[in-house]
Amino acid sequence: MASVNIGIPEKNRQQVADHLNIILSNEYVLYTKTLKFHWNVEGKWFGPLHELFKEHYEALLTIADDVAERVRALGHESFGTLSEFSKHTTLKEQPGKSPNDTGMIKNLLEDHETIIKHIRDDIHFTAEQKDEGTSNFLQDLIVKHEKMAWMLRAHLAK
């Protein structure tokens, strides 16, 4: 890749890229988990949840692509293997287990909230690195996750 001269020192860009690759790992793991739940949801709310999970996994794949491209825009390599995603994610997976529909909703909601908190911290970090572009990008990203979390949370209302 050609030299990147965008007013952010290489060391700062590398550190931001490292943080973004963790976000990318979380996004991809959440994408995969949401896809799994889309395939395996059962119960009286099958139809609406099947459709909601589809909307979410499609949005999450777009988000993962955007995060990977942000890493590239900073002049660094984005993760792209399941091994890398698995090694760097902060989310928990439960291989071989499929909770009931309510358990799926709770699990996905918890993951979105984990990502939201992580991104909130990274917004402050990127601002300290003088990377306003990534800070703005993350602010937009947090809004997307907050909306998905709200939609999941609404299904748990009594």
N, C-alpha and C. Protein backbone atom coordinates (compact mmCIF):
# COMPACT_ATOMS: atom_id res chain seq x y z
N MET A 1 0.85 -1.18 0.00
CA MET A 1 0.00 0.00 0.00
C MET A 1 0.89 1.24 0.00
N ALA A 2 0.45 2.24 -0.71
CA ALA A 2 1.20 3.49 -0.77
C ALA A 2 1.21 4.16 0.60
N SER A 3 2.17 5.04 0.79
CA SER A 3 2.31 5.77 2.05
C SER A 3 1.02 6.54 2.36
N VAL A 4 0.63 6.52 3.63
CA VAL A 4 -0.57 7.21 4.08
C VAL A 4 -0.14 8.50 4.77
N ASN A 5 -0.61 9.63 4.25
CA ASN A 5 -0.24 10.94 4.79
C ASN A 5 -1.52 11.73 5.04
N ILE A 6 -2.20 11.41 6.17
CA ILE A 6 -3.50 12.03 6.47
C ILE A 6 -3.46 12.86 7.75
N GLY A 7 -2.26 13.16 8.23
CA GLY A 7 -2.14 14.00 9.41
C GLY A 7 -2.21 13.27 10.74
N ILE A 8 -2.14 11.96 10.69
CA ILE A 8 -2.13 11.14 11.91
C ILE A 8 -0.86 10.30 11.87
N PRO A 9 -0.01 10.41 12.89
CA PRO A 9 1.24 9.64 12.88
C PRO A 9 0.98 8.13 12.74
N GLU A 10 1.91 7.45 12.12
CA GLU A 10 1.80 6.00 11.89
C GLU A 10 1.51 5.25 13.19
N LYS A 11 2.19 5.59 14.26
CA LYS A 11 1.98 4.89 15.55
C LYS A 11 0.52 5.02 15.98
N ASN A 12 -0.05 6.20 15.85
CA ASN A 12 -1.44 6.41 16.23
C ASN A 12 -2.39 5.63 15.32
N ARG A 13 -2.11 5.65 14.02
CA ARG A 13 -2.94 4.91 13.07
C ARG A 13 -2.90 3.42 13.37
N GLN A 14 -1.73 2.91 13.72
CA GLN A 14 -1.60 1.48 14.06
C GLN A 14 -2.42 1.15 15.29
N GLN A 15 -2.35 1.99 16.31
CA GLN A 15 -3.10 1.74 17.53
C GLN A 15 -4.61 1.78 17.27
N VAL A 16 -5.05 2.73 16.47
CA VAL A 16 -6.48 2.81 16.12
C VAL A 16 -6.88 1.58 15.33
N ALA A 17 -6.04 1.17 14.37
CA ALA A 17 -6.34 -0.02 13.57
C ALA A 17 -6.44 -1.26 14.46
N ASP A 18 -5.59 -1.36 15.46
CA ASP A 18 -5.66 -2.48 16.40
C ASP A 18 -7.01 -2.50 17.13
N HIS A 19 -7.45 -1.33 17.57
CA HIS A 19 -8.76 -1.23 18.24
C HIS A 19 -9.89 -1.59 17.28
N LEU A 20 -9.79 -1.10 16.06
CA LEU A 20 -10.83 -1.39 15.06
C LEU A 20 -10.89 -2.87 14.73
N ASN A 21 -9.74 -3.55 14.72
CA ASN A 21 -9.75 -4.98 14.44
C ASN A 21 -10.43 -5.77 15.56
N ILE A 22 -10.38 -5.28 16.77
CA ILE A 22 -11.14 -5.92 17.86
C ILE A 22 -12.63 -5.70 17.63
N ILE A 23 -13.00 -4.48 17.26
CA ILE A 23 -14.40 -4.21 16.93
C ILE A 23 -14.84 -5.11 15.77
N LEU A 24 -14.00 -5.22 14.75
CA LEU A 24 -14.31 -6.08 13.61
C LEU A 24 -14.54 -7.52 14.06
N SER A 25 -13.70 -7.99 14.95
CA SER A 25 -13.87 -9.35 15.47
C SER A 25 -15.20 -9.51 16.17
N ASN A 26 -15.56 -8.54 16.99
CA ASN A 26 -16.84 -8.58 17.69
C ASN A 26 -18.01 -8.55 16.70
N GLU A 27 -17.90 -7.69 15.70
CA GLU A 27 -18.97 -7.57 14.71
C GLU A 27 -19.17 -8.89 13.98
N TYR A 28 -18.07 -9.53 13.61
CA TYR A 28 -18.19 -10.77 12.85
C TYR A 28 -18.73 -11.91 13.71
N VAL A 29 -18.31 -11.96 14.95
CA VAL A 29 -18.83 -12.99 15.85
C VAL A 29 -20.33 -12.76 16.09
N LEU A 30 -20.73 -11.51 16.29
CA LEU A 30 -22.15 -11.22 16.49
C LEU A 30 -22.94 -11.51 15.22
N TYR A 31 -22.39 -11.19 14.06
CA TYR A 31 -23.01 -11.53 12.78
C TYR A 31 -23.27 -13.04 12.71
N THR A 32 -22.24 -13.83 13.02
CA THR A 32 -22.34 -15.28 12.93
C THR A 32 -23.36 -15.82 13.93
N LYS A 33 -23.35 -15.29 15.14
CA LYS A 33 -24.30 -15.74 16.16
C LYS A 33 -25.73 -15.39 15.76
N THR A 34 -25.92 -14.20 15.21
CA THR A 34 -27.26 -13.78 14.77
C THR A 34 -27.74 -14.66 13.62
N LEU A 35 -26.85 -14.99 12.71
CA LEU A 35 -27.18 -15.88 11.60
C LEU A 35 -27.56 -17.27 12.13
N LYS A 36 -26.81 -17.77 13.09
CA LYS A 36 -27.12 -19.07 13.70
C LYS A 36 -28.51 -19.05 14.33
N PHE A 37 -28.82 -17.99 15.05
CA PHE A 37 -30.13 -17.90 15.69
C PHE A 37 -31.24 -17.75 14.65
N HIS A 38 -30.98 -17.06 13.56
CA HIS A 38 -31.93 -16.96 12.45
C HIS A 38 -32.26 -18.37 11.94
N TRP A 39 -31.25 -19.19 11.78
CA TRP A 39 -31.46 -20.54 11.28
C TRP A 39 -32.18 -21.44 12.28
N ASN A 40 -31.96 -21.22 13.58
CA ASN A 40 -32.40 -22.19 14.59
C ASN A 40 -33.53 -21.72 15.50
N VAL A 41 -34.04 -20.53 15.30
CA VAL A 41 -35.12 -20.06 16.17
C VAL A 41 -36.36 -20.93 15.98
N GLU A 42 -37.06 -21.19 17.08
CA GLU A 42 -38.30 -21.97 17.08
C GLU A 42 -39.27 -21.31 18.04
N GLY A 43 -40.49 -21.76 17.99
CA GLY A 43 -41.49 -21.28 18.93
C GLY A 43 -42.53 -20.41 18.26
N LYS A 44 -43.46 -19.91 19.09
CA LYS A 44 -44.60 -19.19 18.53
C LYS A 44 -44.20 -17.88 17.87
N TRP A 45 -43.01 -17.36 18.17
CA TRP A 45 -42.55 -16.11 17.55
C TRP A 45 -41.53 -16.36 16.45
N PHE A 46 -41.54 -17.59 15.92
CA PHE A 46 -40.59 -17.96 14.88
C PHE A 46 -40.56 -16.94 13.73
N GLY A 47 -41.70 -16.66 13.12
CA GLY A 47 -41.75 -15.80 11.94
C GLY A 47 -41.15 -14.42 12.18
N PRO A 48 -41.66 -13.69 13.17
CA PRO A 48 -41.11 -12.34 13.41
C PRO A 48 -39.63 -12.36 13.82
N LEU A 49 -39.23 -13.32 14.64
CA LEU A 49 -37.82 -13.37 15.07
C LEU A 49 -36.92 -13.80 13.92
N HIS A 50 -37.38 -14.75 13.13
CA HIS A 50 -36.62 -15.18 11.96
C HIS A 50 -36.34 -13.97 11.07
N GLU A 51 -37.33 -13.15 10.86
CA GLU A 51 -37.18 -11.95 10.02
C GLU A 51 -36.30 -10.89 10.70
N LEU A 52 -36.50 -10.65 12.00
CA LEU A 52 -35.69 -9.67 12.73
C LEU A 52 -34.22 -10.08 12.71
N PHE A 53 -33.94 -11.34 12.99
CA PHE A 53 -32.56 -11.81 12.98
C PHE A 53 -31.94 -11.64 11.59
N LYS A 54 -32.74 -11.85 10.53
CA LYS A 54 -32.24 -11.65 9.17
C LYS A 54 -31.86 -10.18 8.96
N GLU A 55 -32.74 -9.28 9.36
CA GLU A 55 -32.44 -7.84 9.23
C GLU A 55 -31.15 -7.50 9.96
N HIS A 56 -30.99 -8.06 11.16
CA HIS A 56 -29.82 -7.75 11.98
C HIS A 56 -28.54 -8.35 11.38
N TYR A 57 -28.58 -9.61 10.94
CA TYR A 57 -27.33 -10.17 10.42
C TYR A 57 -26.91 -9.48 9.13
N GLU A 58 -27.87 -9.06 8.33
CA GLU A 58 -27.52 -8.31 7.12
C GLU A 58 -26.88 -6.97 7.48
N ALA A 59 -27.43 -6.29 8.48
CA ALA A 59 -26.85 -5.01 8.93
C ALA A 59 -25.46 -5.23 9.52
N LEU A 60 -25.30 -6.31 10.28
CA LEU A 60 -24.00 -6.58 10.92
C LEU A 60 -22.92 -6.90 9.89
N LEU A 61 -23.29 -7.58 8.82
CA LEU A 61 -22.30 -7.87 7.77
C LEU A 61 -21.85 -6.56 7.11
N THR A 62 -22.79 -5.66 6.88
CA THR A 62 -22.43 -4.35 6.32
C THR A 62 -21.52 -3.58 7.28
N ILE A 63 -21.84 -3.63 8.57
CA ILE A 63 -21.02 -2.96 9.58
C ILE A 63 -19.61 -3.55 9.58
N ALA A 64 -19.51 -4.87 9.56
CA ALA A 64 -18.18 -5.51 9.56
C ALA A 64 -17.38 -5.06 8.34
N ASP A 65 -18.01 -4.99 7.19
CA ASP A 65 -17.33 -4.52 5.98
C ASP A 65 -16.86 -3.08 6.15
N ASP A 66 -17.71 -2.23 6.72
CA ASP A 66 -17.33 -0.83 6.94
C ASP A 66 -16.15 -0.70 7.90
N VAL A 67 -16.16 -1.51 8.95
CA VAL A 67 -15.05 -1.46 9.92
C VAL A 67 -13.75 -1.90 9.25
N ALA A 68 -13.82 -3.00 8.50
CA ALA A 68 -12.62 -3.49 7.81
C ALA A 68 -12.09 -2.45 6.84
N GLU A 69 -12.98 -1.77 6.14
CA GLU A 69 -12.55 -0.74 5.20
C GLU A 69 -11.97 0.48 5.92
N ARG A 70 -12.45 0.77 7.13
CA ARG A 70 -11.87 1.87 7.90
C ARG A 70 -10.42 1.54 8.28
N VAL A 71 -10.19 0.29 8.67
CA VAL A 71 -8.82 -0.15 8.98
C VAL A 71 -7.94 0.05 7.75
N ARG A 72 -8.43 -0.33 6.59
CA ARG A 72 -7.66 -0.19 5.35
C ARG A 72 -7.41 1.29 5.04
N ALA A 73 -8.41 2.14 5.28
CA ALA A 73 -8.25 3.58 5.01
C ALA A 73 -7.14 4.18 5.87
N LEU A 74 -6.88 3.57 7.03
CA LEU A 74 -5.80 4.02 7.91
C LEU A 74 -4.46 3.43 7.50
N GLY A 75 -4.47 2.59 6.46
CA GLY A 75 -3.21 2.04 5.94
C GLY A 75 -2.78 0.74 6.57
N HIS A 76 -3.72 0.01 7.16
CA HIS A 76 -3.36 -1.24 7.83
C HIS A 76 -4.22 -2.39 7.35
N GLU A 77 -3.78 -3.59 7.69
CA GLU A 77 -4.50 -4.82 7.32
C GLU A 77 -5.65 -5.06 8.29
N SER A 78 -6.78 -5.41 7.73
CA SER A 78 -7.90 -5.81 8.58
C SER A 78 -7.88 -7.32 8.75
N PHE A 79 -8.37 -7.77 9.91
CA PHE A 79 -8.51 -9.21 10.11
C PHE A 79 -9.48 -9.74 9.06
N GLY A 80 -9.39 -11.02 8.78
CA GLY A 80 -10.29 -11.60 7.79
C GLY A 80 -10.43 -13.10 7.90
N THR A 81 -9.97 -13.66 9.02
CA THR A 81 -10.12 -15.11 9.20
C THR A 81 -10.89 -15.40 10.47
N LEU A 82 -11.54 -16.55 10.49
CA LEU A 82 -12.27 -16.96 11.69
C LEU A 82 -11.33 -17.11 12.87
N SER A 83 -10.13 -17.56 12.61
CA SER A 83 -9.13 -17.70 13.66
C SER A 83 -8.81 -16.35 14.30
N GLU A 84 -8.59 -15.33 13.48
CA GLU A 84 -8.31 -13.98 14.00
C GLU A 84 -9.51 -13.43 14.76
N PHE A 85 -10.69 -13.58 14.20
CA PHE A 85 -11.89 -13.07 14.86
C PHE A 85 -12.08 -13.76 16.22
N SER A 86 -11.92 -15.07 16.23
CA SER A 86 -12.11 -15.83 17.47
C SER A 86 -11.08 -15.45 18.54
N LYS A 87 -9.85 -15.21 18.11
CA LYS A 87 -8.78 -14.87 19.04
C LYS A 87 -8.96 -13.48 19.65
N HIS A 88 -9.56 -12.54 18.92
CA HIS A 88 -9.60 -11.15 19.35
C HIS A 88 -10.97 -10.66 19.82
N THR A 89 -12.00 -11.48 19.70
CA THR A 89 -13.32 -11.04 20.13
C THR A 89 -13.41 -10.93 21.65
N THR A 90 -14.26 -10.05 22.11
CA THR A 90 -14.54 -9.96 23.54
C THR A 90 -15.90 -10.57 23.86
N LEU A 91 -16.56 -11.12 22.85
CA LEU A 91 -17.87 -11.75 23.03
C LEU A 91 -17.70 -13.23 23.34
N LYS A 92 -18.72 -13.80 23.96
CA LYS A 92 -18.70 -15.22 24.31
C LYS A 92 -19.58 -16.00 23.33
N GLU A 93 -19.06 -17.11 22.88
CA GLU A 93 -19.85 -18.02 22.05
C GLU A 93 -20.20 -19.26 22.87
N GLN A 94 -21.23 -19.95 22.42
CA GLN A 94 -21.64 -21.19 23.06
C GLN A 94 -21.83 -22.26 21.98
N PRO A 95 -20.73 -22.79 21.47
CA PRO A 95 -20.84 -23.78 20.39
C PRO A 95 -21.71 -24.96 20.81
N GLY A 96 -22.51 -25.43 19.87
CA GLY A 96 -23.33 -26.60 20.11
C GLY A 96 -24.59 -26.34 20.91
N LYS A 97 -24.83 -25.09 21.29
CA LYS A 97 -26.01 -24.77 22.09
C LYS A 97 -26.87 -23.75 21.33
N SER A 98 -28.17 -23.98 21.37
CA SER A 98 -29.12 -23.02 20.84
C SER A 98 -30.17 -22.76 21.91
N PRO A 99 -30.12 -21.59 22.52
CA PRO A 99 -31.12 -21.29 23.55
C PRO A 99 -32.51 -21.16 22.93
N ASN A 100 -33.54 -21.09 23.77
CA ASN A 100 -34.88 -20.85 23.25
C ASN A 100 -34.96 -19.42 22.71
N ASP A 101 -36.11 -19.07 22.15
CA ASP A 101 -36.24 -17.77 21.49
C ASP A 101 -35.92 -16.60 22.43
N THR A 102 -36.41 -16.65 23.66
CA THR A 102 -36.13 -15.59 24.62
C THR A 102 -34.64 -15.57 24.98
N GLY A 103 -34.05 -16.74 25.12
CA GLY A 103 -32.63 -16.82 25.41
C GLY A 103 -31.79 -16.25 24.28
N MET A 104 -32.23 -16.48 23.04
CA MET A 104 -31.52 -15.91 21.89
C MET A 104 -31.55 -14.39 21.94
N ILE A 105 -32.72 -13.84 22.22
CA ILE A 105 -32.88 -12.39 22.30
C ILE A 105 -31.98 -11.83 23.39
N LYS A 106 -32.01 -12.43 24.56
CA LYS A 106 -31.18 -11.96 25.68
C LYS A 106 -29.69 -12.03 25.33
N ASN A 107 -29.30 -13.12 24.70
CA ASN A 107 -27.90 -13.32 24.33
C ASN A 107 -27.44 -12.25 23.34
N LEU A 108 -28.23 -12.02 22.31
CA LEU A 108 -27.88 -11.00 21.32
C LEU A 108 -27.89 -9.60 21.92
N LEU A 109 -28.86 -9.32 22.78
CA LEU A 109 -28.92 -8.02 23.44
C LEU A 109 -27.66 -7.79 24.28
N GLU A 110 -27.26 -8.79 25.03
CA GLU A 110 -26.04 -8.67 25.85
C GLU A 110 -24.82 -8.38 24.97
N ASP A 111 -24.73 -9.04 23.82
CA ASP A 111 -23.60 -8.80 22.91
C ASP A 111 -23.63 -7.39 22.35
N HIS A 112 -24.80 -6.92 21.94
CA HIS A 112 -24.88 -5.54 21.45
C HIS A 112 -24.47 -4.55 22.53
N GLU A 113 -24.92 -4.77 23.75
CA GLU A 113 -24.56 -3.86 24.85
C GLU A 113 -23.07 -3.91 25.13
N THR A 114 -22.46 -5.08 25.03
CA THR A 114 -21.01 -5.20 25.19
C THR A 114 -20.29 -4.40 24.11
N ILE A 115 -20.73 -4.54 22.88
CA ILE A 115 -20.12 -3.81 21.77
C ILE A 115 -20.31 -2.31 21.96
N ILE A 116 -21.49 -1.88 22.37
CA ILE A 116 -21.76 -0.45 22.59
C ILE A 116 -20.78 0.13 23.61
N LYS A 117 -20.60 -0.57 24.72
CA LYS A 117 -19.67 -0.08 25.75
C LYS A 117 -18.24 -0.04 25.23
N HIS A 118 -17.87 -1.05 24.48
CA HIS A 118 -16.52 -1.12 23.90
C HIS A 118 -16.31 0.06 22.94
N ILE A 119 -17.28 0.29 22.07
CA ILE A 119 -17.16 1.39 21.11
C ILE A 119 -17.11 2.73 21.83
N ARG A 120 -17.90 2.89 22.87
CA ARG A 120 -17.88 4.14 23.64
C ARG A 120 -16.47 4.44 24.14
N ASP A 121 -15.80 3.43 24.67
CA ASP A 121 -14.41 3.60 25.11
C ASP A 121 -13.50 3.94 23.93
N ASP A 122 -13.72 3.28 22.80
CA ASP A 122 -12.88 3.52 21.64
C ASP A 122 -13.09 4.91 21.03
N ILE A 123 -14.27 5.47 21.19
CA ILE A 123 -14.50 6.84 20.73
C ILE A 123 -13.56 7.79 21.46
N HIS A 124 -13.44 7.61 22.76
CA HIS A 124 -12.52 8.45 23.54
C HIS A 124 -11.07 8.19 23.12
N PHE A 125 -10.73 6.92 22.92
CA PHE A 125 -9.37 6.57 22.53
C PHE A 125 -9.00 7.20 21.18
N THR A 126 -9.90 7.09 20.20
CA THR A 126 -9.58 7.64 18.87
C THR A 126 -9.49 9.16 18.91
N ALA A 127 -10.26 9.80 19.76
CA ALA A 127 -10.16 11.26 19.90
C ALA A 127 -8.78 11.63 20.46
N GLU A 128 -8.30 10.83 21.43
CA GLU A 128 -6.96 11.08 21.99
C GLU A 128 -5.87 10.91 20.93
N GLN A 129 -6.12 10.05 19.95
CA GLN A 129 -5.15 9.81 18.88
C GLN A 129 -5.27 10.85 17.77
N LYS A 130 -6.15 11.82 17.95
CA LYS A 130 -6.39 12.88 16.95
C LYS A 130 -6.96 12.32 15.64
N ASP A 131 -7.75 11.24 15.78
CA ASP A 131 -8.38 10.62 14.62
C ASP A 131 -9.88 10.89 14.66
N GLU A 132 -10.24 12.09 14.27
CA GLU A 132 -11.64 12.51 14.30
C GLU A 132 -12.49 11.70 13.32
N GLY A 133 -11.90 11.27 12.20
CA GLY A 133 -12.65 10.47 11.23
C GLY A 133 -13.13 9.16 11.83
N THR A 134 -12.23 8.46 12.51
CA THR A 134 -12.64 7.20 13.14
C THR A 134 -13.57 7.47 14.30
N SER A 135 -13.34 8.52 15.04
CA SER A 135 -14.23 8.87 16.14
C SER A 135 -15.66 9.10 15.63
N ASN A 136 -15.80 9.84 14.54
CA ASN A 136 -17.12 10.07 13.94
C ASN A 136 -17.72 8.77 13.41
N PHE A 137 -16.89 7.96 12.78
CA PHE A 137 -17.33 6.66 12.27
C PHE A 137 -17.90 5.81 13.42
N LEU A 138 -17.20 5.80 14.55
CA LEU A 138 -17.65 5.01 15.70
C LEU A 138 -18.92 5.58 16.32
N GLN A 139 -19.05 6.90 16.30
CA GLN A 139 -20.29 7.50 16.81
C GLN A 139 -21.49 7.05 15.99
N ASP A 140 -21.33 6.98 14.67
CA ASP A 140 -22.41 6.49 13.81
C ASP A 140 -22.69 5.01 14.08
N LEU A 141 -21.62 4.26 14.31
CA LEU A 141 -21.75 2.83 14.56
C LEU A 141 -22.51 2.55 15.85
N ILE A 142 -22.24 3.33 16.87
CA ILE A 142 -22.90 3.11 18.15
C ILE A 142 -24.41 3.31 18.03
N VAL A 143 -24.82 4.26 17.21
CA VAL A 143 -26.26 4.51 16.99
C VAL A 143 -26.91 3.27 16.36
N LYS A 144 -26.24 2.64 15.43
CA LYS A 144 -26.78 1.43 14.79
C LYS A 144 -26.95 0.31 15.80
N HIS A 145 -25.96 0.14 16.66
CA HIS A 145 -26.06 -0.92 17.68
C HIS A 145 -27.12 -0.59 18.73
N GLU A 146 -27.24 0.67 19.09
CA GLU A 146 -28.27 1.05 20.06
C GLU A 146 -29.66 0.78 19.51
N LYS A 147 -29.86 0.99 18.21
CA LYS A 147 -31.17 0.71 17.62
C LYS A 147 -31.45 -0.79 17.62
N MET A 148 -30.45 -1.60 17.24
CA MET A 148 -30.66 -3.05 17.26
C MET A 148 -30.92 -3.55 18.68
N ALA A 149 -30.19 -2.98 19.65
CA ALA A 149 -30.40 -3.37 21.05
C ALA A 149 -31.81 -3.00 21.50
N TRP A 150 -32.27 -1.83 21.13
CA TRP A 150 -33.63 -1.40 21.49
C TRP A 150 -34.66 -2.37 20.91
N MET A 151 -34.48 -2.76 19.66
CA MET A 151 -35.44 -3.70 19.03
C MET A 151 -35.46 -5.04 19.76
N LEU A 152 -34.31 -5.51 20.16
CA LEU A 152 -34.25 -6.77 20.91
C LEU A 152 -34.88 -6.60 22.30
N ARG A 153 -34.53 -5.50 22.96
CA ARG A 153 -35.04 -5.21 24.31
C ARG A 153 -36.57 -5.13 24.30
N ALA A 154 -37.15 -4.57 23.24
CA ALA A 154 -38.60 -4.45 23.14
C ALA A 154 -39.30 -5.81 23.16
N HIS A 155 -38.62 -6.83 22.66
CA HIS A 155 -39.20 -8.17 22.68
C HIS A 155 -39.22 -8.77 24.09
N LEU A 156 -38.45 -8.21 24.98
CA LEU A 156 -38.39 -8.74 26.35
C LEU A 156 -39.33 -8.00 27.30
N ALA A 157 -39.99 -6.94 26.80
CA ALA A 157 -40.89 -6.15 27.66
C ALA A 157 -42.05 -7.02 28.11
N LYS A 158 -42.47 -6.78 29.32
CA LYS A 158 -43.59 -7.56 29.90
C LYS A 158 -44.91 -7.01 29.43
